[in-house]
Amino acid sequence: MSIPDADNATATREKVRGCLLNLHHPDGGSKAIWFHGLGYELEDWQLLADDLLEIARSCEKHATERSPYGVKYKASGTVGRPGYRPGHISTAWIIEPDESPRLVTA
């Protein structure tokens, strides 16, 4: 059961490269260490983005929560590059009015 409109979801370069894979980001630095341990690199940020988008499209279940900005969806899955250990992850997506899902955090 995917999140609604998951085929049009986005995981932006700014969010993935600028935060989740950025070792120097004040909030994302510890996440970057974890993602690097799963085989993801800053230069190949699109690989992580694609794997996160796959969670939105193929999650077995998700939780929903209303916010002032739209509806948040929380979905879990497994990510990791070949030759590295897999990691279980929770993702958060938001669907603002008249928009497609957008990755908020992982």
N, C-alpha and C. Protein backbone atom coordinates (compact mmCIF):
# COMPACT_ATOMS: atom_id res chain seq x y z
N MET A 1 0.85 -1.18 0.00
CA MET A 1 0.00 0.00 0.00
C MET A 1 0.89 1.24 0.00
N SER A 2 1.01 1.88 -1.11
CA SER A 2 1.86 3.06 -1.21
C SER A 2 1.18 4.27 -0.59
N ILE A 3 1.97 5.31 -0.36
CA ILE A 3 1.34 6.55 0.06
C ILE A 3 0.63 7.13 -1.16
N PRO A 4 -0.39 7.96 -0.98
CA PRO A 4 -1.13 8.49 -2.12
C PRO A 4 -0.23 9.23 -3.10
N ASP A 5 -0.45 9.00 -4.38
CA ASP A 5 0.27 9.67 -5.46
C ASP A 5 1.79 9.45 -5.39
N ALA A 6 2.19 8.30 -4.86
CA ALA A 6 3.62 8.01 -4.66
C ALA A 6 4.41 8.01 -5.95
N ASP A 7 3.78 7.71 -7.07
CA ASP A 7 4.51 7.71 -8.34
C ASP A 7 5.00 9.11 -8.73
N ASN A 8 4.43 10.13 -8.11
CA ASN A 8 4.83 11.50 -8.38
C ASN A 8 5.59 12.13 -7.22
N ALA A 9 5.96 11.33 -6.24
CA ALA A 9 6.68 11.84 -5.06
C ALA A 9 8.06 12.37 -5.44
N THR A 10 8.57 13.28 -4.61
CA THR A 10 9.90 13.83 -4.84
C THR A 10 10.75 13.72 -3.58
N ALA A 11 12.02 13.48 -3.79
CA ALA A 11 13.05 13.54 -2.75
C ALA A 11 14.12 14.45 -3.34
N THR A 12 14.11 15.70 -2.96
CA THR A 12 14.92 16.71 -3.62
C THR A 12 16.41 16.58 -3.32
N ARG A 13 17.19 17.12 -4.23
CA ARG A 13 18.65 17.17 -4.05
C ARG A 13 18.98 17.92 -2.76
N GLU A 14 18.28 19.01 -2.52
CA GLU A 14 18.52 19.81 -1.31
C GLU A 14 18.32 18.97 -0.04
N LYS A 15 17.27 18.17 -0.01
CA LYS A 15 16.99 17.36 1.17
C LYS A 15 17.97 16.20 1.30
N VAL A 16 18.20 15.48 0.22
CA VAL A 16 19.04 14.27 0.29
C VAL A 16 20.52 14.64 0.36
N ARG A 17 21.00 15.42 -0.58
CA ARG A 17 22.42 15.77 -0.61
C ARG A 17 22.76 16.82 0.44
N GLY A 18 21.90 17.82 0.56
CA GLY A 18 22.19 18.93 1.46
C GLY A 18 21.99 18.63 2.93
N CYS A 19 21.21 17.62 3.24
CA CYS A 19 20.93 17.31 4.64
C CYS A 19 21.30 15.87 5.00
N LEU A 20 20.63 14.90 4.37
CA LEU A 20 20.78 13.50 4.78
C LEU A 20 22.17 12.93 4.53
N LEU A 21 22.88 13.41 3.53
CA LEU A 21 24.22 12.89 3.22
C LEU A 21 25.34 13.90 3.53
N ASN A 22 24.98 15.01 4.15
CA ASN A 22 25.94 16.07 4.43
C ASN A 22 26.51 15.90 5.84
N LEU A 23 27.75 15.47 5.93
CA LEU A 23 28.40 15.23 7.22
C LEU A 23 28.50 16.50 8.07
N HIS A 24 28.41 17.67 7.45
CA HIS A 24 28.56 18.93 8.18
C HIS A 24 27.24 19.61 8.50
N HIS A 25 26.14 18.99 8.13
CA HIS A 25 24.82 19.58 8.41
C HIS A 25 24.52 19.47 9.90
N PRO A 26 24.06 20.54 10.55
CA PRO A 26 23.82 20.49 12.00
C PRO A 26 22.77 19.46 12.43
N ASP A 27 21.77 19.22 11.60
CA ASP A 27 20.75 18.22 11.94
C ASP A 27 20.97 16.89 11.24
N GLY A 28 21.55 16.93 10.05
CA GLY A 28 21.69 15.72 9.25
C GLY A 28 23.03 15.03 9.37
N GLY A 29 24.00 15.62 10.06
CA GLY A 29 25.34 15.04 10.13
C GLY A 29 25.37 13.62 10.66
N SER A 30 24.63 13.36 11.74
CA SER A 30 24.62 12.00 12.29
C SER A 30 23.90 11.03 11.36
N LYS A 31 22.90 11.52 10.64
CA LYS A 31 22.22 10.68 9.66
C LYS A 31 23.17 10.36 8.51
N ALA A 32 23.97 11.33 8.11
CA ALA A 32 24.92 11.13 7.02
C ALA A 32 25.92 10.02 7.37
N ILE A 33 26.39 10.00 8.60
CA ILE A 33 27.31 8.94 9.03
C ILE A 33 26.64 7.58 8.85
N TRP A 34 25.38 7.49 9.27
CA TRP A 34 24.64 6.22 9.17
C TRP A 34 24.45 5.83 7.71
N PHE A 35 24.03 6.77 6.88
CA PHE A 35 23.81 6.48 5.46
C PHE A 35 25.12 6.11 4.76
N HIS A 36 26.22 6.75 5.12
CA HIS A 36 27.52 6.40 4.53
C HIS A 36 27.86 4.96 4.88
N GLY A 37 27.51 4.51 6.07
CA GLY A 37 27.75 3.12 6.48
C GLY A 37 26.93 2.11 5.70
N LEU A 38 25.88 2.60 5.02
CA LEU A 38 25.04 1.73 4.20
C LEU A 38 25.46 1.80 2.72
N GLY A 39 26.52 2.56 2.44
CA GLY A 39 27.05 2.62 1.09
C GLY A 39 26.63 3.82 0.26
N TYR A 40 25.97 4.79 0.86
CA TYR A 40 25.54 5.98 0.12
C TYR A 40 26.59 7.07 0.23
N GLU A 41 26.85 7.75 -0.88
CA GLU A 41 27.85 8.81 -0.92
C GLU A 41 27.22 10.10 -1.42
N LEU A 42 27.78 11.20 -1.00
CA LEU A 42 27.29 12.52 -1.37
C LEU A 42 27.20 12.70 -2.88
N GLU A 43 28.24 12.24 -3.59
CA GLU A 43 28.29 12.42 -5.04
C GLU A 43 27.18 11.65 -5.76
N ASP A 44 26.75 10.54 -5.18
CA ASP A 44 25.72 9.71 -5.79
C ASP A 44 24.41 9.80 -5.01
N TRP A 45 24.05 11.01 -4.63
CA TRP A 45 22.88 11.24 -3.79
C TRP A 45 21.60 10.68 -4.40
N GLN A 46 21.54 10.63 -5.73
CA GLN A 46 20.32 10.16 -6.39
C GLN A 46 20.02 8.70 -6.06
N LEU A 47 21.04 7.90 -5.75
CA LEU A 47 20.80 6.50 -5.36
C LEU A 47 19.98 6.43 -4.08
N LEU A 48 20.32 7.26 -3.09
CA LEU A 48 19.53 7.29 -1.86
C LEU A 48 18.14 7.84 -2.14
N ALA A 49 18.06 8.90 -2.93
CA ALA A 49 16.75 9.46 -3.27
C ALA A 49 15.85 8.41 -3.91
N ASP A 50 16.40 7.64 -4.84
CA ASP A 50 15.62 6.58 -5.50
C ASP A 50 15.16 5.52 -4.51
N ASP A 51 16.04 5.15 -3.59
CA ASP A 51 15.67 4.12 -2.61
C ASP A 51 14.60 4.63 -1.63
N LEU A 52 14.67 5.90 -1.27
CA LEU A 52 13.64 6.48 -0.40
C LEU A 52 12.31 6.58 -1.15
N LEU A 53 12.35 6.95 -2.42
CA LEU A 53 11.13 7.01 -3.22
C LEU A 53 10.50 5.63 -3.36
N GLU A 54 11.32 4.60 -3.43
CA GLU A 54 10.80 3.23 -3.51
C GLU A 54 10.04 2.87 -2.24
N ILE A 55 10.48 3.36 -1.10
CA ILE A 55 9.74 3.11 0.15
C ILE A 55 8.35 3.74 0.05
N ALA A 56 8.27 4.96 -0.46
CA ALA A 56 6.96 5.62 -0.61
C ALA A 56 6.05 4.83 -1.53
N ARG A 57 6.62 4.22 -2.57
CA ARG A 57 5.81 3.49 -3.55
C ARG A 57 5.44 2.08 -3.10
N SER A 58 6.26 1.48 -2.25
CA SER A 58 6.04 0.06 -1.96
C SER A 58 5.84 -0.28 -0.49
N CYS A 59 5.68 0.70 0.38
CA CYS A 59 5.52 0.40 1.80
C CYS A 59 4.26 -0.44 2.01
N GLU A 60 4.35 -1.33 2.98
CA GLU A 60 3.20 -2.21 3.26
C GLU A 60 2.11 -1.49 4.03
N LYS A 61 2.50 -0.52 4.83
CA LYS A 61 1.53 0.30 5.56
C LYS A 61 2.17 1.64 5.87
N HIS A 62 1.34 2.59 6.22
CA HIS A 62 1.84 3.91 6.59
C HIS A 62 0.90 4.53 7.61
N ALA A 63 1.44 5.45 8.37
CA ALA A 63 0.64 6.21 9.33
C ALA A 63 0.39 7.59 8.75
N THR A 64 -0.72 8.19 9.12
CA THR A 64 -1.03 9.54 8.65
C THR A 64 -1.23 10.47 9.82
N GLU A 65 -0.97 11.73 9.56
CA GLU A 65 -1.12 12.76 10.59
C GLU A 65 -1.41 14.08 9.89
N ARG A 66 -2.41 14.77 10.34
CA ARG A 66 -2.73 16.08 9.75
C ARG A 66 -1.82 17.13 10.37
N SER A 67 -1.40 18.09 9.54
CA SER A 67 -0.58 19.20 10.02
C SER A 67 -1.13 20.47 9.40
N PRO A 68 -0.68 21.62 9.86
CA PRO A 68 -1.14 22.87 9.25
C PRO A 68 -0.74 23.01 7.78
N TYR A 69 0.24 22.21 7.34
CA TYR A 69 0.75 22.32 5.98
C TYR A 69 0.16 21.30 5.02
N GLY A 70 -0.46 20.26 5.54
CA GLY A 70 -1.01 19.20 4.71
C GLY A 70 -1.09 17.91 5.51
N VAL A 71 -1.05 16.79 4.83
CA VAL A 71 -1.11 15.49 5.49
C VAL A 71 0.27 14.86 5.44
N LYS A 72 0.76 14.45 6.63
CA LYS A 72 2.05 13.76 6.71
C LYS A 72 1.82 12.26 6.66
N TYR A 73 2.71 11.59 5.98
CA TYR A 73 2.69 10.13 5.89
C TYR A 73 4.02 9.61 6.41
N LYS A 74 3.96 8.63 7.28
CA LYS A 74 5.17 7.99 7.79
C LYS A 74 5.20 6.56 7.29
N ALA A 75 6.29 6.21 6.63
CA ALA A 75 6.43 4.87 6.06
C ALA A 75 7.83 4.34 6.36
N SER A 76 7.92 3.05 6.57
CA SER A 76 9.19 2.41 6.90
C SER A 76 9.60 1.46 5.78
N GLY A 77 10.90 1.18 5.73
CA GLY A 77 11.42 0.26 4.74
C GLY A 77 12.89 0.00 5.00
N THR A 78 13.51 -0.68 4.06
CA THR A 78 14.91 -1.02 4.17
C THR A 78 15.67 -0.40 3.00
N VAL A 79 16.84 0.16 3.31
CA VAL A 79 17.71 0.75 2.29
C VAL A 79 19.12 0.22 2.47
N GLY A 80 19.94 0.38 1.46
CA GLY A 80 21.35 -0.03 1.52
C GLY A 80 21.83 -0.40 0.14
N ARG A 81 23.09 -0.13 -0.12
CA ARG A 81 23.69 -0.41 -1.41
C ARG A 81 24.26 -1.82 -1.41
N PRO A 82 24.39 -2.43 -2.60
CA PRO A 82 24.97 -3.77 -2.70
C PRO A 82 26.38 -3.80 -2.07
N GLY A 83 26.62 -4.86 -1.32
CA GLY A 83 27.90 -5.02 -0.65
C GLY A 83 27.97 -4.39 0.72
N TYR A 84 26.89 -3.72 1.13
CA TYR A 84 26.81 -3.09 2.45
C TYR A 84 25.64 -3.68 3.22
N ARG A 85 25.68 -3.51 4.51
CA ARG A 85 24.56 -4.01 5.32
C ARG A 85 23.31 -3.18 5.03
N PRO A 86 22.14 -3.79 5.11
CA PRO A 86 20.91 -3.02 4.95
C PRO A 86 20.56 -2.30 6.26
N GLY A 87 19.79 -1.26 6.14
CA GLY A 87 19.33 -0.52 7.32
C GLY A 87 17.84 -0.28 7.24
N HIS A 88 17.16 -0.47 8.37
CA HIS A 88 15.72 -0.21 8.45
C HIS A 88 15.54 1.28 8.75
N ILE A 89 14.65 1.91 8.03
CA ILE A 89 14.50 3.36 8.13
C ILE A 89 13.04 3.77 8.15
N SER A 90 12.77 4.86 8.83
CA SER A 90 11.46 5.50 8.80
C SER A 90 11.57 6.76 7.96
N THR A 91 10.60 6.97 7.12
CA THR A 91 10.56 8.17 6.28
C THR A 91 9.31 8.97 6.59
N ALA A 92 9.36 10.27 6.36
CA ALA A 92 8.20 11.13 6.52
C ALA A 92 8.01 11.92 5.23
N TRP A 93 6.79 11.95 4.77
CA TRP A 93 6.43 12.64 3.53
C TRP A 93 5.28 13.58 3.84
N ILE A 94 5.17 14.66 3.11
CA ILE A 94 4.02 15.54 3.28
C ILE A 94 3.37 15.76 1.92
N ILE A 95 2.06 15.83 1.96
CA ILE A 95 1.29 16.19 0.77
C ILE A 95 0.55 17.47 1.11
N GLU A 96 1.02 18.56 0.51
CA GLU A 96 0.37 19.84 0.70
C GLU A 96 -0.78 19.95 -0.30
N PRO A 97 -1.74 20.81 -0.04
CA PRO A 97 -2.88 20.93 -0.97
C PRO A 97 -2.42 21.12 -2.42
N ASP A 98 -2.98 20.31 -3.30
CA ASP A 98 -2.71 20.38 -4.74
C ASP A 98 -1.25 20.11 -5.11
N GLU A 99 -0.53 19.37 -4.28
CA GLU A 99 0.87 19.03 -4.53
C GLU A 99 1.06 17.53 -4.48
N SER A 100 2.19 17.06 -4.98
CA SER A 100 2.59 15.66 -4.89
C SER A 100 3.34 15.45 -3.58
N PRO A 101 3.49 14.19 -3.14
CA PRO A 101 4.23 13.93 -1.91
C PRO A 101 5.68 14.42 -2.02
N ARG A 102 6.19 14.94 -0.91
CA ARG A 102 7.56 15.44 -0.84
C ARG A 102 8.21 14.88 0.42
N LEU A 103 9.45 14.39 0.28
CA LEU A 103 10.18 13.86 1.42
C LEU A 103 10.45 14.98 2.41
N VAL A 104 10.12 14.73 3.67
CA VAL A 104 10.38 15.69 4.74
C VAL A 104 11.65 15.30 5.48
N THR A 105 11.74 14.02 5.83
CA THR A 105 12.93 13.53 6.54
C THR A 105 12.99 12.01 6.48
N ALA A 106 14.13 11.50 6.84
CA ALA A 106 14.33 10.06 6.95
C ALA A 106 15.21 9.80 8.16
